[in-house]
Amino acid sequence: MSQFLVLVNILLACFNLLPIPPLDGSRIVDAIIPSALRPLWGRFSALGPLLLVAVILLPGLLGVSILSWPIRWAGELLAWVTGR
């Protein structure tokens, strides 16, 4: 059970690092983006909530699993950390 909870926590942490506003990854991009690209980033940020909904809903609507690679990666990381 604890391995499952760790796996879910890793997946949520990776999801939160996506550079889509309002997720935390967008704050990282906002801190390091060059001044020349800031206007473009501002327009992208305005569409952030719509893009976030698209990232969450579109794979299910299209029948594509975007979680297969992150789940496999997190499972392998967890197996490496626990030595199993």
PDB file of N, CA and C in Angstrom:
ATOM      1  N   MET A   1       0.826  -1.190   0.000  1.00  0.00           N
ATOM      2  CA  MET A   1       0.000   0.000   0.000  1.00  0.00           C
ATOM      3  C   MET A   1       0.874   1.259   0.000  1.00  0.00           C
ATOM      4  N   SER A   2       1.940   1.233   0.797  1.00  0.00           N
ATOM      5  CA  SER A   2       2.801   2.417   0.862  1.00  0.00           C
ATOM      6  C   SER A   2       3.522   2.640  -0.471  1.00  0.00           C
ATOM      7  N   GLN A   3       3.870   1.561  -1.180  1.00  0.00           N
ATOM      8  CA  GLN A   3       4.502   1.720  -2.489  1.00  0.00           C
ATOM      9  C   GLN A   3       3.550   2.405  -3.462  1.00  0.00           C
ATOM     10  N   PHE A   4       2.272   2.051  -3.399  1.00  0.00           N
ATOM     11  CA  PHE A   4       1.291   2.680  -4.260  1.00  0.00           C
ATOM     12  C   PHE A   4       1.178   4.165  -3.935  1.00  0.00           C
ATOM     13  N   LEU A   5       1.162   4.506  -2.662  1.00  0.00           N
ATOM     14  CA  LEU A   5       1.064   5.910  -2.266  1.00  0.00           C
ATOM     15  C   LEU A   5       2.288   6.704  -2.707  1.00  0.00           C
ATOM     16  N   VAL A   6       3.461   6.100  -2.618  1.00  0.00           N
ATOM     17  CA  VAL A   6       4.676   6.765  -3.089  1.00  0.00           C
ATOM     18  C   VAL A   6       4.610   6.963  -4.596  1.00  0.00           C
ATOM     19  N   LEU A   7       4.128   5.963  -5.320  1.00  0.00           N
ATOM     20  CA  LEU A   7       3.996   6.064  -6.772  1.00  0.00           C
ATOM     21  C   LEU A   7       3.043   7.190  -7.159  1.00  0.00           C
ATOM     22  N   VAL A   8       1.914   7.272  -6.487  1.00  0.00           N
ATOM     23  CA  VAL A   8       0.956   8.339  -6.765  1.00  0.00           C
ATOM     24  C   VAL A   8       1.569   9.697  -6.453  1.00  0.00           C
ATOM     25  N   ASN A   9       2.305   9.782  -5.359  1.00  0.00           N
ATOM     26  CA  ASN A   9       2.935  11.039  -4.973  1.00  0.00           C
ATOM     27  C   ASN A   9       3.971  11.479  -6.003  1.00  0.00           C
ATOM     28  N   ILE A  10       4.746  10.550  -6.526  1.00  0.00           N
ATOM     29  CA  ILE A  10       5.736  10.873  -7.554  1.00  0.00           C
ATOM     30  C   ILE A  10       5.041  11.354  -8.825  1.00  0.00           C
ATOM     31  N   LEU A  11       3.968  10.681  -9.213  1.00  0.00           N
ATOM     32  CA  LEU A  11       3.230  11.087 -10.413  1.00  0.00           C
ATOM     33  C   LEU A  11       2.621  12.474 -10.253  1.00  0.00           C
ATOM     34  N   LEU A  12       2.068  12.766  -9.085  1.00  0.00           N
ATOM     35  CA  LEU A  12       1.503  14.092  -8.858  1.00  0.00           C
ATOM     36  C   LEU A  12       2.584  15.174  -8.854  1.00  0.00           C
ATOM     37  N   ALA A  13       3.751  14.849  -8.315  1.00  0.00           N
ATOM     38  CA  ALA A  13       4.850  15.815  -8.310  1.00  0.00           C
ATOM     39  C   ALA A  13       5.308  16.107  -9.733  1.00  0.00           C
ATOM     40  N   CYS A  14       5.410  15.074 -10.559  1.00  0.00           N
ATOM     41  CA  CYS A  14       5.811  15.279 -11.960  1.00  0.00           C
ATOM     42  C   CYS A  14       4.753  16.071 -12.714  1.00  0.00           C
ATOM     43  N   PHE A  15       3.491  15.766 -12.479  1.00  0.00           N
ATOM     44  CA  PHE A  15       2.416  16.500 -13.134  1.00  0.00           C
ATOM     45  C   PHE A  15       2.451  17.969 -12.740  1.00  0.00           C
ATOM     46  N   ASN A  16       2.708  18.236 -11.475  1.00  0.00           N
ATOM     47  CA  ASN A  16       2.743  19.615 -10.979  1.00  0.00           C
ATOM     48  C   ASN A  16       3.887  20.411 -11.589  1.00  0.00           C
ATOM     49  N   LEU A  17       4.910  19.743 -12.090  1.00  0.00           N
ATOM     50  CA  LEU A  17       6.046  20.439 -12.689  1.00  0.00           C
ATOM     51  C   LEU A  17       5.859  20.745 -14.171  1.00  0.00           C
ATOM     52  N   LEU A  18       4.713  20.395 -14.739  1.00  0.00           N
ATOM     53  CA  LEU A  18       4.440  20.782 -16.125  1.00  0.00           C
ATOM     54  C   LEU A  18       4.410  22.301 -16.225  1.00  0.00           C
ATOM     55  N   PRO A  19       5.002  22.857 -17.262  1.00  0.00           N
ATOM     56  CA  PRO A  19       5.050  24.329 -17.377  1.00  0.00           C
ATOM     57  C   PRO A  19       3.755  24.925 -17.924  1.00  0.00           C
ATOM     58  N   ILE A  20       2.648  24.579 -17.297  1.00  0.00           N
ATOM     59  CA  ILE A  20       1.344  25.105 -17.690  1.00  0.00           C
ATOM     60  C   ILE A  20       0.775  25.867 -16.503  1.00  0.00           C
ATOM     61  N   PRO A  21       0.505  27.153 -16.676  1.00  0.00           N
ATOM     62  CA  PRO A  21      -0.118  27.888 -15.574  1.00  0.00           C
ATOM     63  C   PRO A  21      -1.478  27.286 -15.244  1.00  0.00           C
ATOM     64  N   PRO A  22      -1.843  27.121 -14.059  1.00  0.00           N
ATOM     65  CA  PRO A  22      -1.345  27.604 -12.772  1.00  0.00           C
ATOM     66  C   PRO A  22      -0.459  26.607 -12.036  1.00  0.00           C
ATOM     67  N   LEU A  23       0.074  25.584 -12.693  1.00  0.00           N
ATOM     68  CA  LEU A  23       0.939  24.613 -12.025  1.00  0.00           C
ATOM     69  C   LEU A  23       2.284  25.243 -11.670  1.00  0.00           C
ATOM     70  N   ASP A  24       2.996  24.607 -10.744  1.00  0.00           N
ATOM     71  CA  ASP A  24       4.263  25.155 -10.250  1.00  0.00           C
ATOM     72  C   ASP A  24       5.353  25.196 -11.313  1.00  0.00           C
ATOM     73  N   GLY A  25       5.298  24.316 -12.300  1.00  0.00           N
ATOM     74  CA  GLY A  25       6.287  24.346 -13.369  1.00  0.00           C
ATOM     75  C   GLY A  25       6.272  25.655 -14.131  1.00  0.00           C
ATOM     76  N   SER A  26       5.112  26.291 -14.204  1.00  0.00           N
ATOM     77  CA  SER A  26       5.040  27.585 -14.895  1.00  0.00           C
ATOM     78  C   SER A  26       5.764  28.670 -14.121  1.00  0.00           C
ATOM     79  N   ARG A  27       5.819  28.539 -12.820  1.00  0.00           N
ATOM     80  CA  ARG A  27       6.553  29.521 -12.011  1.00  0.00           C
ATOM     81  C   ARG A  27       8.066  29.386 -12.220  1.00  0.00           C
ATOM     82  N   ILE A  28       8.508  28.157 -12.460  1.00  0.00           N
ATOM     83  CA  ILE A  28       9.924  27.938 -12.756  1.00  0.00           C
ATOM     84  C   ILE A  28      10.268  28.589 -14.094  1.00  0.00           C
ATOM     85  N   VAL A  29       9.424  28.354 -15.093  1.00  0.00           N
ATOM     86  CA  VAL A  29       9.643  28.962 -16.408  1.00  0.00           C
ATOM     87  C   VAL A  29       9.596  30.476 -16.297  1.00  0.00           C
ATOM     88  N   ASP A  30       8.640  30.986 -15.528  1.00  0.00           N
ATOM     89  CA  ASP A  30       8.502  32.427 -15.361  1.00  0.00           C
ATOM     90  C   ASP A  30       9.766  33.052 -14.756  1.00  0.00           C
ATOM     91  N   ALA A  31      10.447  32.308 -13.906  1.00  0.00           N
ATOM     92  CA  ALA A  31      11.653  32.835 -13.269  1.00  0.00           C
ATOM     93  C   ALA A  31      12.857  32.837 -14.205  1.00  0.00           C
ATOM     94  N   ILE A  32      12.891  31.943 -15.184  1.00  0.00           N
ATOM     95  CA  ILE A  32      14.104  31.829 -16.011  1.00  0.00           C
ATOM     96  C   ILE A  32      13.906  32.256 -17.463  1.00  0.00           C
ATOM     97  N   ILE A  33      12.700  32.657 -17.834  1.00  0.00           N
ATOM     98  CA  ILE A  33      12.441  33.009 -19.232  1.00  0.00           C
ATOM     99  C   ILE A  33      13.136  34.332 -19.589  1.00  0.00           C
ATOM    100  N   PRO A  34      13.744  34.416 -20.754  1.00  0.00           N
ATOM    101  CA  PRO A  34      14.393  35.666 -21.160  1.00  0.00           C
ATOM    102  C   PRO A  34      13.356  36.779 -21.380  1.00  0.00           C
ATOM    103  N   SER A  35      13.790  37.997 -21.224  1.00  0.00           N
ATOM    104  CA  SER A  35      12.896  39.153 -21.373  1.00  0.00           C
ATOM    105  C   SER A  35      12.256  39.221 -22.753  1.00  0.00           C
ATOM    106  N   ALA A  36      12.983  38.791 -23.773  1.00  0.00           N
ATOM    107  CA  ALA A  36      12.455  38.859 -25.136  1.00  0.00           C
ATOM    108  C   ALA A  36      11.246  37.942 -25.323  1.00  0.00           C
ATOM    109  N   LEU A  37      11.184  36.861 -24.568  1.00  0.00           N
ATOM    110  CA  LEU A  37      10.074  35.912 -24.706  1.00  0.00           C
ATOM    111  C   LEU A  37       8.945  36.159 -23.710  1.00  0.00           C
ATOM    112  N   ARG A  38       9.115  37.136 -22.836  1.00  0.00           N
ATOM    113  CA  ARG A  38       8.107  37.391 -21.799  1.00  0.00           C
ATOM    114  C   ARG A  38       6.730  37.746 -22.358  1.00  0.00           C
ATOM    115  N   PRO A  39       6.591  38.552 -23.425  1.00  0.00           N
ATOM    116  CA  PRO A  39       5.245  38.815 -23.964  1.00  0.00           C
ATOM    117  C   PRO A  39       4.553  37.538 -24.475  1.00  0.00           C
ATOM    118  N   LEU A  40       5.311  36.681 -25.133  1.00  0.00           N
ATOM    119  CA  LEU A  40       4.754  35.419 -25.608  1.00  0.00           C
ATOM    120  C   LEU A  40       4.334  34.540 -24.434  1.00  0.00           C
ATOM    121  N   TRP A  41       5.158  34.517 -23.401  1.00  0.00           N
ATOM    122  CA  TRP A  41       4.839  33.741 -22.203  1.00  0.00           C
ATOM    123  C   TRP A  41       3.577  34.290 -21.520  1.00  0.00           C
ATOM    124  N   GLY A  42       3.411  35.598 -21.533  1.00  0.00           N
ATOM    125  CA  GLY A  42       2.214  36.204 -20.949  1.00  0.00           C
ATOM    126  C   GLY A  42       0.943  35.772 -21.680  1.00  0.00           C
ATOM    127  N   ARG A  43       1.015  35.706 -23.002  1.00  0.00           N
ATOM    128  CA  ARG A  43      -0.149  35.248 -23.777  1.00  0.00           C
ATOM    129  C   ARG A  43      -0.415  33.764 -23.522  1.00  0.00           C
ATOM    130  N   PHE A  44       0.660  32.987 -23.435  1.00  0.00           N
ATOM    131  CA  PHE A  44       0.524  31.563 -23.136  1.00  0.00           C
ATOM    132  C   PHE A  44      -0.081  31.358 -21.747  1.00  0.00           C
ATOM    133  N   SER A  45       0.354  32.166 -20.790  1.00  0.00           N
ATOM    134  CA  SER A  45      -0.147  32.051 -19.421  1.00  0.00           C
ATOM    135  C   SER A  45      -1.638  32.348 -19.336  1.00  0.00           C
ATOM    136  N   ALA A  46      -2.108  33.242 -20.182  1.00  0.00           N
ATOM    137  CA  ALA A  46      -3.538  33.559 -20.173  1.00  0.00           C
ATOM    138  C   ALA A  46      -4.373  32.352 -20.608  1.00  0.00           C
ATOM    139  N   LEU A  47      -3.799  31.496 -21.434  1.00  0.00           N
ATOM    140  CA  LEU A  47      -4.494  30.292 -21.893  1.00  0.00           C
ATOM    141  C   LEU A  47      -4.225  29.083 -21.004  1.00  0.00           C
ATOM    142  N   GLY A  48      -3.458  29.263 -19.942  1.00  0.00           N
ATOM    143  CA  GLY A  48      -3.042  28.167 -19.078  1.00  0.00           C
ATOM    144  C   GLY A  48      -4.156  27.271 -18.578  1.00  0.00           C
ATOM    145  N   PRO A  49      -5.214  27.824 -17.979  1.00  0.00           N
ATOM    146  CA  PRO A  49      -6.280  26.947 -17.490  1.00  0.00           C
ATOM    147  C   PRO A  49      -6.931  26.105 -18.596  1.00  0.00           C
ATOM    148  N   LEU A  50      -7.108  26.694 -19.778  1.00  0.00           N
ATOM    149  CA  LEU A  50      -7.668  25.928 -20.895  1.00  0.00           C
ATOM    150  C   LEU A  50      -6.727  24.804 -21.326  1.00  0.00           C
ATOM    151  N   LEU A  51      -5.443  25.106 -21.375  1.00  0.00           N
ATOM    152  CA  LEU A  51      -4.462  24.089 -21.740  1.00  0.00           C
ATOM    153  C   LEU A  51      -4.393  22.977 -20.702  1.00  0.00           C
ATOM    154  N   LEU A  52      -4.535  23.340 -19.451  1.00  0.00           N
ATOM    155  CA  LEU A  52      -4.513  22.347 -18.379  1.00  0.00           C
ATOM    156  C   LEU A  52      -5.701  21.391 -18.512  1.00  0.00           C
ATOM    157  N   VAL A  53      -6.867  21.931 -18.789  1.00  0.00           N
ATOM    158  CA  VAL A  53      -8.043  21.085 -18.997  1.00  0.00           C
ATOM    159  C   VAL A  53      -7.825  20.177 -20.208  1.00  0.00           C
ATOM    160  N   ALA A  54      -7.226  20.711 -21.262  1.00  0.00           N
ATOM    161  CA  ALA A  54      -6.956  19.909 -22.458  1.00  0.00           C
ATOM    162  C   ALA A  54      -5.981  18.776 -22.153  1.00  0.00           C
ATOM    163  N   VAL A  55      -4.935  19.059 -21.378  1.00  0.00           N
ATOM    164  CA  VAL A  55      -3.950  18.031 -21.029  1.00  0.00           C
ATOM    165  C   VAL A  55      -4.600  16.924 -20.202  1.00  0.00           C
ATOM    166  N   ILE A  56      -5.557  17.285 -19.379  1.00  0.00           N
ATOM    167  CA  ILE A  56      -6.211  16.300 -18.525  1.00  0.00           C
ATOM    168  C   ILE A  56      -7.266  15.495 -19.301  1.00  0.00           C
ATOM    169  N   LEU A  57      -8.067  16.166 -20.120  1.00  0.00           N
ATOM    170  CA  LEU A  57      -9.215  15.510 -20.752  1.00  0.00           C
ATOM    171  C   LEU A  57      -8.938  14.890 -22.116  1.00  0.00           C
ATOM    172  N   LEU A  58      -8.128  15.525 -22.940  1.00  0.00           N
ATOM    173  CA  LEU A  58      -7.943  15.042 -24.315  1.00  0.00           C
ATOM    174  C   LEU A  58      -7.399  13.619 -24.432  1.00  0.00           C
ATOM    175  N   PRO A  59      -6.422  13.226 -23.649  1.00  0.00           N
ATOM    176  CA  PRO A  59      -5.952  11.837 -23.803  1.00  0.00           C
ATOM    177  C   PRO A  59      -7.060  10.811 -23.583  1.00  0.00           C
ATOM    178  N   GLY A  60      -7.926  11.045 -22.603  1.00  0.00           N
ATOM    179  CA  GLY A  60      -9.028  10.122 -22.375  1.00  0.00           C
ATOM    180  C   GLY A  60     -10.026  10.126 -23.516  1.00  0.00           C
ATOM    181  N   LEU A  61     -10.284  11.296 -24.078  1.00  0.00           N
ATOM    182  CA  LEU A  61     -11.214  11.393 -25.187  1.00  0.00           C
ATOM    183  C   LEU A  61     -10.652  10.765 -26.460  1.00  0.00           C
ATOM    184  N   LEU A  62      -9.343  10.831 -26.622  1.00  0.00           N
ATOM    185  CA  LEU A  62      -8.701  10.267 -27.810  1.00  0.00           C
ATOM    186  C   LEU A  62      -8.302   8.806 -27.636  1.00  0.00           C
ATOM    187  N   GLY A  63      -8.461   8.279 -26.432  1.00  0.00           N
ATOM    188  CA  GLY A  63      -8.099   6.894 -26.173  1.00  0.00           C
ATOM    189  C   GLY A  63      -6.611   6.664 -26.073  1.00  0.00           C
ATOM    190  N   VAL A  64      -5.870   7.695 -25.713  1.00  0.00           N
ATOM    191  CA  VAL A  64      -4.416   7.604 -25.593  1.00  0.00           C
ATOM    192  C   VAL A  64      -4.049   7.668 -24.119  1.00  0.00           C
ATOM    193  N   SER A  65      -3.147   6.809 -23.687  1.00  0.00           N
ATOM    194  CA  SER A  65      -2.716   6.821 -22.298  1.00  0.00           C
ATOM    195  C   SER A  65      -1.411   7.605 -22.169  1.00  0.00           C
ATOM    196  N   ILE A  66      -1.502   8.804 -21.614  1.00  0.00           N
ATOM    197  CA  ILE A  66      -0.286   9.598 -21.408  1.00  0.00           C
ATOM    198  C   ILE A  66       0.387   9.231 -20.098  1.00  0.00           C
ATOM    199  N   LEU A  67      -0.269   8.412 -19.298  1.00  0.00           N
ATOM    200  CA  LEU A  67       0.293   8.060 -18.000  1.00  0.00           C
ATOM    201  C   LEU A  67       1.116   6.788 -18.032  1.00  0.00           C
ATOM    202  N   SER A  68       1.119   6.053 -19.134  1.00  0.00           N
ATOM    203  CA  SER A  68       1.835   4.782 -19.158  1.00  0.00           C
ATOM    204  C   SER A  68       3.333   4.964 -18.947  1.00  0.00           C
ATOM    205  N   TRP A  69       3.936   5.936 -19.621  1.00  0.00           N
ATOM    206  CA  TRP A  69       5.381   6.154 -19.434  1.00  0.00           C
ATOM    207  C   TRP A  69       5.685   6.663 -18.036  1.00  0.00           C
ATOM    208  N   PRO A  70       5.000   7.695 -17.506  1.00  0.00           N
ATOM    209  CA  PRO A  70       5.325   8.146 -16.151  1.00  0.00           C
ATOM    210  C   PRO A  70       5.095   7.081 -15.089  1.00  0.00           C
ATOM    211  N   ILE A  71       4.055   6.262 -15.246  1.00  0.00           N
ATOM    212  CA  ILE A  71       3.805   5.207 -14.262  1.00  0.00           C
ATOM    213  C   ILE A  71       4.925   4.183 -14.308  1.00  0.00           C
ATOM    214  N   ARG A  72       5.357   3.797 -15.502  1.00  0.00           N
ATOM    215  CA  ARG A  72       6.451   2.833 -15.626  1.00  0.00           C
ATOM    216  C   ARG A  72       7.744   3.406 -15.042  1.00  0.00           C
ATOM    217  N   TRP A  73       8.026   4.677 -15.339  1.00  0.00           N
ATOM    218  CA  TRP A  73       9.236   5.319 -14.825  1.00  0.00           C
ATOM    219  C   TRP A  73       9.203   5.402 -13.303  1.00  0.00           C
ATOM    220  N   ALA A  74       8.080   5.827 -12.743  1.00  0.00           N
ATOM    221  CA  ALA A  74       7.972   5.952 -11.291  1.00  0.00           C
ATOM    222  C   ALA A  74       8.060   4.580 -10.628  1.00  0.00           C
ATOM    223  N   GLY A  75       7.465   3.573 -11.248  1.00  0.00           N
ATOM    224  CA  GLY A  75       7.556   2.219 -10.703  1.00  0.00           C
ATOM    225  C   GLY A  75       8.981   1.707 -10.697  1.00  0.00           C
ATOM    226  N   GLU A  76       9.722   1.965 -11.774  1.00  0.00           N
ATOM    227  CA  GLU A  76      11.125   1.547 -11.836  1.00  0.00           C
ATOM    228  C   GLU A  76      11.969   2.314 -10.816  1.00  0.00           C
ATOM    229  N   LEU A  77      11.682   3.602 -10.653  1.00  0.00           N
ATOM    230  CA  LEU A  77      12.393   4.394  -9.652  1.00  0.00           C
ATOM    231  C   LEU A  77      12.122   3.874  -8.252  1.00  0.00           C
ATOM    232  N   LEU A  78      10.879   3.569  -7.983  1.00  0.00           N
ATOM    233  CA  LEU A  78      10.510   3.037  -6.681  1.00  0.00           C
ATOM    234  C   LEU A  78      11.145   1.682  -6.433  1.00  0.00           C
ATOM    235  N   ALA A  79      11.186   0.837  -7.461  1.00  0.00           N
ATOM    236  CA  ALA A  79      11.833  -0.475  -7.327  1.00  0.00           C
ATOM    237  C   ALA A  79      13.329  -0.309  -7.083  1.00  0.00           C
ATOM    238  N   TRP A  80      13.954   0.649  -7.740  1.00  0.00           N
ATOM    239  CA  TRP A  80      15.389   0.899  -7.537  1.00  0.00           C
ATOM    240  C   TRP A  80      15.665   1.400  -6.122  1.00  0.00           C
ATOM    241  N   VAL A  81      14.821   2.316  -5.628  1.00  0.00           N
ATOM    242  CA  VAL A  81      15.018   2.885  -4.296  1.00  0.00           C
ATOM    243  C   VAL A  81      14.817   1.820  -3.219  1.00  0.00           C
ATOM    244  N   THR A  82      13.810   0.973  -3.394  1.00  0.00           N
ATOM    245  CA  THR A  82      13.521  -0.051  -2.376  1.00  0.00           C
ATOM    246  C   THR A  82      14.366  -1.308  -2.551  1.00  0.00           C
ATOM    247  N   GLY A  83      15.073  -1.419  -3.677  1.00  0.00           N
ATOM    248  CA  GLY A  83      15.939  -2.577  -3.909  1.00  0.00           C
ATOM    249  C   GLY A  83      15.190  -3.812  -4.341  1.00  0.00           C
ATOM    250  N   ARG A  84      14.010  -3.661  -4.902  1.00  0.00           N
ATOM    251  CA  ARG A  84      13.217  -4.831  -5.342  1.00  0.00           C
ATOM    252  C   ARG A  84      13.330  -5.033  -6.807  1.00  0.00           C
TER     253      ARG A  84
END
